Amino acid sequence: MMTIDSAQRLANGRHLALRLDETDLLLSIDQQLTAKLQMTSDLGSILGLQISEINAADTSEIVSVMALGLQGLFDKRPHLLEIELSLAKYPGLIDSLAGGGFAVLSTEIQNSVTSRRSMLRQIADLYLPKVRCNPFPLQYAITDGKRHPLRPTVAPGEVYRRYLPEQGLTLSFRTVDPDADLDVFHTWHNNPRVSAFWELAGSKDMHYEYLQKVTADAHMHPVFGCFDGEPFGYFEIYWAKEDRIAPYYDADDYDRGVHMLVGEERWRGPHRVVAWLPSLVHFMFLDDPRTRHVVAEPRADNAKMIGYMQQAGFCKPKEFDFPHKRAALMMLSREVFFDQFCV
């Protein structure tokens, strides 16, 4: 029998709790029992559920609650790919769930929908505290001779949050604040292990100037990764089209790239990388639905990082020479990520 008993704070600030009593799945939002579902089948990768009871004010709230419940189930069971949801008692929800991209109409069971992990993971509202109502309008600009779409301003504060049941931790990313985050950034970059790759060892004044420059750069988004609110790593997310990587491959207008470092020793290790790396990629794909690829250019001799990235779905099309290093081009497509690697 499937065992579930978990609680988490969601990106929108609400608290979700899941509990399975025998075959009844109880879903609570903000400590209020909101929905009860009965498990009808469990085939490992496919789960069957039917709604027994819903306590919600209107259809939009019901849809939101069901989306949160489906998200919690997929989080709890990494090998679960689909949930068949019977809506015999609530047929009016079929169009709302299917229309919102939370599910598709079932081809086998009447008055049912199928929620797929690969689709639900693309619903930005479930992971991003601040979702743009519409993608930023396409307007081209030229920077240093490079033609590229005009980029939106970077949102301050937390930009992504998800609970990791297998780690028992909440992972989040937040925009770097040069004043508040200077001490941590300075300590990390003066660690010989970090400076061997980043080559940024130096004074606080130097690091403050660097952070001011990066946060003012329209094509960059520097973030701290946090486990349960504690910073563990620094990541520079960039738009590839106007970055130094653009001449070395056929960069799409909305491709994103990233530079990565883990600064806190206690958060290092393969079991942590498999948690934060897919989530970092997840954020980059969710931040703009037009992003088709995520790329990176680690040093070609950084076999450990290249191996981690390949485990997360990245392929290595080639190596190439930057002026300052021999680099490996690492690339992950949106389709491959959501179909195979977005756990």
Protein backbone atom coordinates (compact mmCIF):
# COMPACT_ATOMS: atom_id res chain seq x y z
CA MET A 1 0.00 0.00 0.00
CA MET A 2 1.21 3.52 -0.79
CA THR A 3 2.24 5.45 2.32
CA ILE A 4 2.01 9.23 2.33
CA ASP A 5 2.29 11.65 5.21
CA SER A 6 3.98 14.90 4.29
CA ALA A 7 3.66 18.65 4.64
CA GLN A 8 5.28 21.52 2.80
CA ARG A 9 5.11 25.27 2.25
CA LEU A 10 4.41 26.11 -1.37
CA ALA A 11 5.82 28.85 -3.58
CA ASN A 12 2.64 30.88 -3.07
CA GLY A 13 3.06 30.74 0.71
CA ARG A 14 0.26 28.26 1.40
CA HIS A 15 0.83 25.04 3.32
CA LEU A 16 -0.01 21.69 1.76
CA ALA A 17 -0.39 18.42 3.68
CA LEU A 18 -1.03 14.97 2.21
CA ARG A 19 -2.05 11.94 4.21
CA LEU A 20 -3.21 8.48 3.15
CA ASP A 21 -5.54 6.64 5.52
CA GLU A 22 -6.09 3.14 4.13
CA THR A 23 -7.19 4.02 0.58
CA ASP A 24 -8.37 7.59 1.28
CA LEU A 25 -6.03 10.38 0.33
CA LEU A 26 -6.63 13.47 2.48
CA LEU A 27 -5.52 16.83 1.16
CA SER A 28 -5.30 19.81 3.50
CA ILE A 29 -4.48 23.42 2.61
CA ASP A 30 -3.47 25.73 5.46
CA GLN A 31 -4.52 23.04 7.99
CA GLN A 32 -8.04 22.84 6.56
CA LEU A 33 -9.24 19.54 5.08
CA THR A 34 -9.94 20.55 1.51
CA ALA A 35 -10.33 17.35 -0.49
CA LYS A 36 -10.68 13.62 -0.03
CA LEU A 37 -9.78 11.22 -2.81
CA GLN A 38 -10.04 7.46 -2.99
CA MET A 39 -7.27 5.40 -4.56
CA THR A 40 -8.72 3.02 -7.16
CA SER A 41 -5.52 1.52 -8.59
CA ASP A 42 -1.77 1.65 -8.17
CA LEU A 43 0.40 0.35 -11.00
CA GLY A 44 3.58 2.05 -9.84
CA SER A 45 4.03 4.57 -12.66
CA ILE A 46 0.26 5.13 -13.03
CA LEU A 47 -2.05 5.90 -10.12
CA GLY A 48 -5.86 5.86 -10.20
CA LEU A 49 -7.85 8.26 -8.01
CA GLN A 50 -11.44 9.42 -7.74
CA ILE A 51 -12.67 12.50 -5.89
CA SER A 52 -14.89 11.66 -2.92
CA GLU A 53 -15.28 15.10 -1.38
CA ILE A 54 -14.19 18.67 -2.00
CA ASN A 55 -14.55 21.63 0.35
CA ALA A 56 -13.90 24.69 -1.79
CA ALA A 57 -15.81 27.84 -2.65
CA ASP A 58 -15.78 27.81 -6.45
CA THR A 59 -14.42 26.02 -9.50
CA SER A 60 -11.21 28.07 -9.69
CA GLU A 61 -10.39 27.24 -6.07
CA ILE A 62 -11.17 23.56 -6.64
CA VAL A 63 -8.86 23.47 -9.66
CA SER A 64 -6.12 25.16 -7.64
CA VAL A 65 -6.54 22.66 -4.80
CA MET A 66 -6.47 19.69 -7.17
CA ALA A 67 -3.34 21.02 -8.86
CA LEU A 68 -1.61 21.31 -5.50
CA GLY A 69 -2.65 17.78 -4.58
CA LEU A 70 -1.39 16.35 -7.87
CA GLN A 71 1.86 18.25 -7.44
CA GLY A 72 2.29 16.79 -3.95
CA LEU A 73 1.75 13.25 -5.22
CA PHE A 74 4.30 13.63 -8.01
CA ASP A 75 6.77 15.12 -5.51
CA LYS A 76 6.29 12.23 -3.12
CA ARG A 77 6.61 9.50 -5.74
CA PRO A 78 9.51 10.15 -8.16
CA HIS A 79 8.61 7.18 -10.38
CA LEU A 80 4.97 8.20 -10.80
CA LEU A 81 4.35 9.40 -14.37
CA GLU A 82 0.56 9.68 -14.63
CA ILE A 83 -2.48 10.06 -12.39
CA GLU A 84 -5.87 8.96 -13.74
CA LEU A 85 -8.42 11.15 -11.97
CA SER A 86 -12.09 10.14 -12.04
CA LEU A 87 -14.43 13.14 -12.00
CA ALA A 88 -17.74 11.25 -12.13
CA LYS A 89 -19.05 13.32 -9.20
CA TYR A 90 -17.57 16.57 -10.53
CA PRO A 91 -17.81 16.48 -14.36
CA GLY A 92 -17.73 20.27 -14.46
CA LEU A 93 -14.04 20.17 -13.54
CA ILE A 94 -13.01 18.32 -16.68
CA ASP A 95 -12.84 21.38 -18.94
CA SER A 96 -11.19 23.50 -16.24
CA LEU A 97 -8.41 20.99 -15.50
CA ALA A 98 -7.82 20.20 -19.17
CA GLY A 99 -8.08 23.82 -20.26
CA GLY A 100 -5.51 24.93 -17.69
CA GLY A 101 -2.96 22.35 -18.77
CA PHE A 102 -3.21 20.42 -15.49
CA ALA A 103 -4.47 17.30 -17.27
CA VAL A 104 -5.70 15.89 -20.58
CA LEU A 105 -8.96 14.14 -21.35
CA SER A 106 -8.76 10.42 -20.65
CA THR A 107 -9.14 8.28 -23.75
CA GLU A 108 -10.09 5.15 -21.81
CA ILE A 109 -12.27 6.14 -18.84
CA GLN A 110 -15.41 8.24 -19.10
CA ASN A 111 -15.55 11.45 -17.03
CA SER A 112 -11.84 11.18 -16.26
CA VAL A 113 -8.68 13.12 -16.95
CA THR A 114 -5.02 12.13 -16.95
CA SER A 115 -2.50 14.35 -15.21
CA ARG A 116 1.04 13.83 -16.47
CA ARG A 117 4.18 14.70 -14.54
CA SER A 118 5.77 16.21 -17.67
CA MET A 119 2.83 18.62 -18.05
CA LEU A 120 2.24 19.56 -14.43
CA ARG A 121 5.91 20.39 -13.94
CA GLN A 122 5.48 23.15 -16.53
CA ILE A 123 2.82 25.02 -14.51
CA ALA A 124 4.85 27.97 -13.26
CA ASP A 125 2.34 28.99 -10.56
CA LEU A 126 3.22 25.85 -8.58
CA TYR A 127 6.89 26.79 -8.21
CA LEU A 128 7.40 30.51 -8.83
CA PRO A 129 6.20 33.04 -6.21
CA LYS A 130 6.13 35.82 -8.80
CA VAL A 131 4.76 34.69 -12.16
CA ARG A 132 4.37 37.16 -15.00
CA CYS A 133 0.79 37.27 -16.26
CA ASN A 134 2.14 37.23 -19.82
CA PRO A 135 5.58 36.53 -21.29
CA PHE A 136 7.65 39.69 -21.57
CA PRO A 137 6.85 41.27 -24.98
CA LEU A 138 9.25 40.57 -27.84
CA GLN A 139 11.23 43.70 -28.65
CA TYR A 140 14.71 43.47 -30.14
CA ALA A 141 17.70 45.43 -28.88
CA ILE A 142 21.40 45.57 -29.72
CA THR A 143 24.10 45.26 -27.06
CA ASP A 144 27.78 45.32 -27.99
CA GLY A 145 26.85 44.59 -31.59
CA LYS A 146 24.64 41.59 -30.67
CA ARG A 147 20.95 41.62 -31.63
CA HIS A 148 18.77 40.01 -28.98
CA PRO A 149 15.32 40.31 -27.34
CA LEU A 150 14.95 43.03 -24.73
CA ARG A 151 15.10 41.34 -21.31
CA PRO A 152 12.78 41.95 -18.34
CA THR A 153 14.14 43.34 -15.10
CA VAL A 154 15.12 40.73 -12.52
CA ALA A 155 12.70 40.18 -9.64
CA PRO A 156 14.21 40.64 -6.15
CA GLY A 157 13.79 38.09 -3.37
CA GLU A 158 12.74 34.47 -3.74
CA VAL A 159 12.08 33.36 -7.32
CA TYR A 160 11.61 29.56 -6.99
CA ARG A 161 10.61 27.09 -4.29
CA ARG A 162 9.93 23.38 -4.11
CA TYR A 163 9.90 20.69 -1.44
CA LEU A 164 12.20 17.68 -1.89
CA PRO A 165 10.65 14.72 -0.04
CA GLU A 166 13.60 12.41 -0.65
CA GLN A 167 15.90 15.00 0.97
CA GLY A 168 13.45 16.21 3.60
CA LEU A 169 14.39 19.76 2.58
CA THR A 170 12.89 22.77 0.88
CA LEU A 171 14.99 24.09 -2.00
CA SER A 172 14.70 27.70 -3.07
CA PHE A 173 16.50 30.21 -5.25
CA ARG A 174 16.58 33.93 -4.51
CA THR A 175 18.08 36.89 -6.30
CA VAL A 176 21.43 37.96 -4.89
CA ASP A 177 21.56 41.19 -2.89
CA PRO A 178 25.10 42.71 -3.12
CA ASP A 179 24.82 44.29 0.33
CA ALA A 180 23.20 41.44 2.27
CA ASP A 181 25.08 38.62 0.54
CA LEU A 182 28.57 40.09 0.28
CA ASP A 183 30.08 38.26 3.28
CA VAL A 184 28.96 34.82 2.07
CA PHE A 185 30.05 35.51 -1.51
CA HIS A 186 33.43 36.76 -0.31
CA THR A 187 34.03 33.70 1.88
CA TRP A 188 33.12 31.25 -0.86
CA HIS A 189 35.32 32.82 -3.52
CA ASN A 190 38.36 32.82 -1.25
CA ASN A 191 38.01 29.07 -0.78
CA PRO A 192 40.86 27.51 -2.83
CA ARG A 193 38.50 24.81 -4.15
CA VAL A 194 36.18 27.49 -5.60
CA SER A 195 38.85 29.93 -6.77
CA ALA A 196 40.59 27.16 -8.73
CA PHE A 197 37.67 27.25 -11.16
CA TRP A 198 36.20 30.75 -10.76
CA GLU A 199 39.50 32.65 -10.30
CA LEU A 200 37.80 35.39 -8.27
CA ALA A 201 39.73 35.29 -4.99
CA GLY A 202 40.15 38.80 -3.62
CA SER A 203 39.03 41.50 -1.23
CA LYS A 204 35.51 42.41 -0.14
CA ASP A 205 35.74 45.62 -2.13
CA MET A 206 36.56 43.62 -5.26
CA HIS A 207 33.68 41.22 -4.65
CA TYR A 208 31.22 44.02 -3.94
CA GLU A 209 32.17 45.71 -7.20
CA TYR A 210 31.75 42.36 -9.00
CA LEU A 211 28.27 41.79 -7.56
CA GLN A 212 27.21 45.34 -8.40
CA LYS A 213 28.33 44.79 -11.99
CA VAL A 214 26.58 41.42 -12.32
CA THR A 215 23.28 42.61 -10.82
CA ALA A 216 23.31 45.65 -13.13
CA ASP A 217 23.91 43.51 -16.24
CA ALA A 218 20.57 43.11 -18.06
CA HIS A 219 21.48 39.67 -19.43
CA MET A 220 22.43 38.21 -16.03
CA HIS A 221 20.43 36.94 -13.06
CA PRO A 222 22.65 35.99 -10.09
CA VAL A 223 20.90 33.80 -7.50
CA PHE A 224 21.71 32.02 -4.26
CA GLY A 225 20.50 28.46 -3.88
CA CYS A 226 19.18 27.67 -0.39
CA PHE A 227 18.30 24.50 1.50
CA ASP A 228 15.72 25.29 4.20
CA GLY A 229 16.66 28.95 3.81
CA GLU A 230 20.43 28.43 4.24
CA PRO A 231 22.53 29.53 1.23
CA PHE A 232 24.59 26.68 -0.22
CA GLY A 233 25.54 27.87 -3.70
CA TYR A 234 25.88 30.77 -6.12
CA PHE A 235 24.54 30.59 -9.68
CA GLU A 236 24.81 33.09 -12.51
CA ILE A 237 21.93 32.58 -14.92
CA TYR A 238 22.35 34.37 -18.23
CA TRP A 239 20.64 34.84 -21.59
CA ALA A 240 22.84 33.01 -24.09
CA LYS A 241 22.08 35.18 -27.14
CA GLU A 242 24.07 38.17 -25.86
CA ASP A 243 26.61 36.17 -23.85
CA ARG A 244 30.16 35.19 -24.81
CA ILE A 245 28.92 31.65 -25.57
CA ALA A 246 26.70 32.77 -28.48
CA PRO A 247 29.34 32.60 -31.24
CA TYR A 248 30.14 28.99 -30.39
CA TYR A 249 26.72 27.48 -31.15
CA ASP A 250 23.42 28.38 -32.82
CA ALA A 251 21.91 30.24 -29.87
CA ASP A 252 18.14 30.69 -29.82
CA ASP A 253 16.64 34.02 -28.71
CA TYR A 254 15.52 32.63 -25.33
CA ASP A 255 18.19 30.05 -24.53
CA ARG A 256 19.48 30.33 -20.95
CA GLY A 257 22.91 29.48 -19.60
CA VAL A 258 24.37 29.13 -16.13
CA HIS A 259 27.62 29.24 -14.14
CA MET A 260 27.54 27.21 -10.91
CA LEU A 261 29.34 26.84 -7.62
CA VAL A 262 28.54 25.18 -4.30
CA GLY A 263 30.20 27.16 -1.53
CA GLU A 264 29.10 25.43 1.68
CA GLU A 265 31.04 22.23 2.31
CA ARG A 266 28.23 20.48 4.18
CA TRP A 267 25.93 20.79 1.18
CA ARG A 268 28.34 19.20 -1.29
CA GLY A 269 28.08 15.68 -2.70
CA PRO A 270 26.28 13.79 -5.48
CA HIS A 271 23.10 13.34 -3.42
CA ARG A 272 22.76 17.13 -3.17
CA VAL A 273 23.60 17.81 -6.81
CA VAL A 274 20.80 15.52 -8.01
CA ALA A 275 18.45 17.72 -5.95
CA TRP A 276 19.53 21.25 -6.88
CA LEU A 277 20.74 20.86 -10.49
CA PRO A 278 17.42 19.67 -12.01
CA SER A 279 15.59 22.29 -9.94
CA LEU A 280 17.89 25.05 -11.21
CA VAL A 281 17.20 23.95 -14.79
CA HIS A 282 13.49 23.74 -13.92
CA PHE A 283 13.48 27.38 -12.82
CA MET A 284 15.19 28.52 -16.03
CA PHE A 285 12.61 26.75 -18.20
CA LEU A 286 9.70 28.07 -16.11
CA ASP A 287 10.94 31.67 -15.97
CA ASP A 288 10.11 32.11 -19.67
CA PRO A 289 8.09 29.47 -21.56
CA ARG A 290 9.94 30.40 -24.76
CA THR A 291 13.24 29.02 -23.44
CA ARG A 292 14.02 25.97 -25.58
CA HIS A 293 17.50 25.10 -24.30
CA VAL A 294 19.64 25.48 -21.20
CA VAL A 295 23.38 25.55 -21.84
CA ALA A 296 26.58 25.68 -19.83
CA GLU A 297 30.30 25.84 -20.60
CA PRO A 298 32.28 24.24 -17.76
CA ARG A 299 36.00 23.73 -18.14
CA ALA A 300 36.61 20.73 -20.37
CA ASP A 301 38.73 19.08 -17.67
CA ASN A 302 36.01 19.44 -14.99
CA ALA A 303 34.96 15.82 -15.38
CA LYS A 304 32.97 15.75 -12.15
CA MET A 305 30.65 18.61 -13.10
CA ILE A 306 30.27 17.34 -16.67
CA GLY A 307 29.28 13.95 -15.27
CA TYR A 308 26.69 15.51 -12.96
CA MET A 309 25.22 17.46 -15.87
CA GLN A 310 25.01 14.39 -18.09
CA GLN A 311 23.12 12.56 -15.33
CA ALA A 312 20.65 15.48 -15.30
CA GLY A 313 20.01 15.14 -19.04
CA PHE A 314 22.61 17.44 -20.59
CA CYS A 315 24.44 16.26 -23.69
CA LYS A 316 27.94 17.35 -24.70
CA PRO A 317 27.92 18.26 -28.41
CA LYS A 318 31.50 19.49 -28.49
CA GLU A 319 34.47 21.16 -26.82
CA PHE A 320 35.69 24.60 -27.86
CA ASP A 321 38.24 27.24 -26.91
CA PHE A 322 37.32 30.39 -25.05
CA PRO A 323 40.17 32.93 -24.81
CA HIS A 324 40.64 31.92 -21.15
CA LYS A 325 39.84 28.19 -21.13
CA ARG A 326 39.07 25.02 -23.02
CA ALA A 327 35.32 24.56 -22.50
CA ALA A 328 32.74 21.81 -22.92
CA LEU A 329 29.43 22.85 -24.46
CA MET A 330 26.66 21.26 -22.39
CA MET A 331 23.09 21.48 -23.68
CA LEU A 332 19.66 20.35 -22.45
CA SER A 333 16.46 20.80 -24.46
CA ARG A 334 13.10 21.63 -22.94
CA GLU A 335 11.47 18.53 -24.41
CA VAL A 336 14.11 16.13 -23.09
CA PHE A 337 14.07 17.74 -19.66
CA PHE A 338 10.32 17.60 -19.03
CA ASP A 339 9.81 14.21 -20.66
CA GLN A 340 12.69 12.38 -18.99
CA PHE A 341 14.58 14.31 -16.31
CA CYS A 342 12.20 16.63 -14.42
CA VAL A 343 11.57 14.44 -11.36
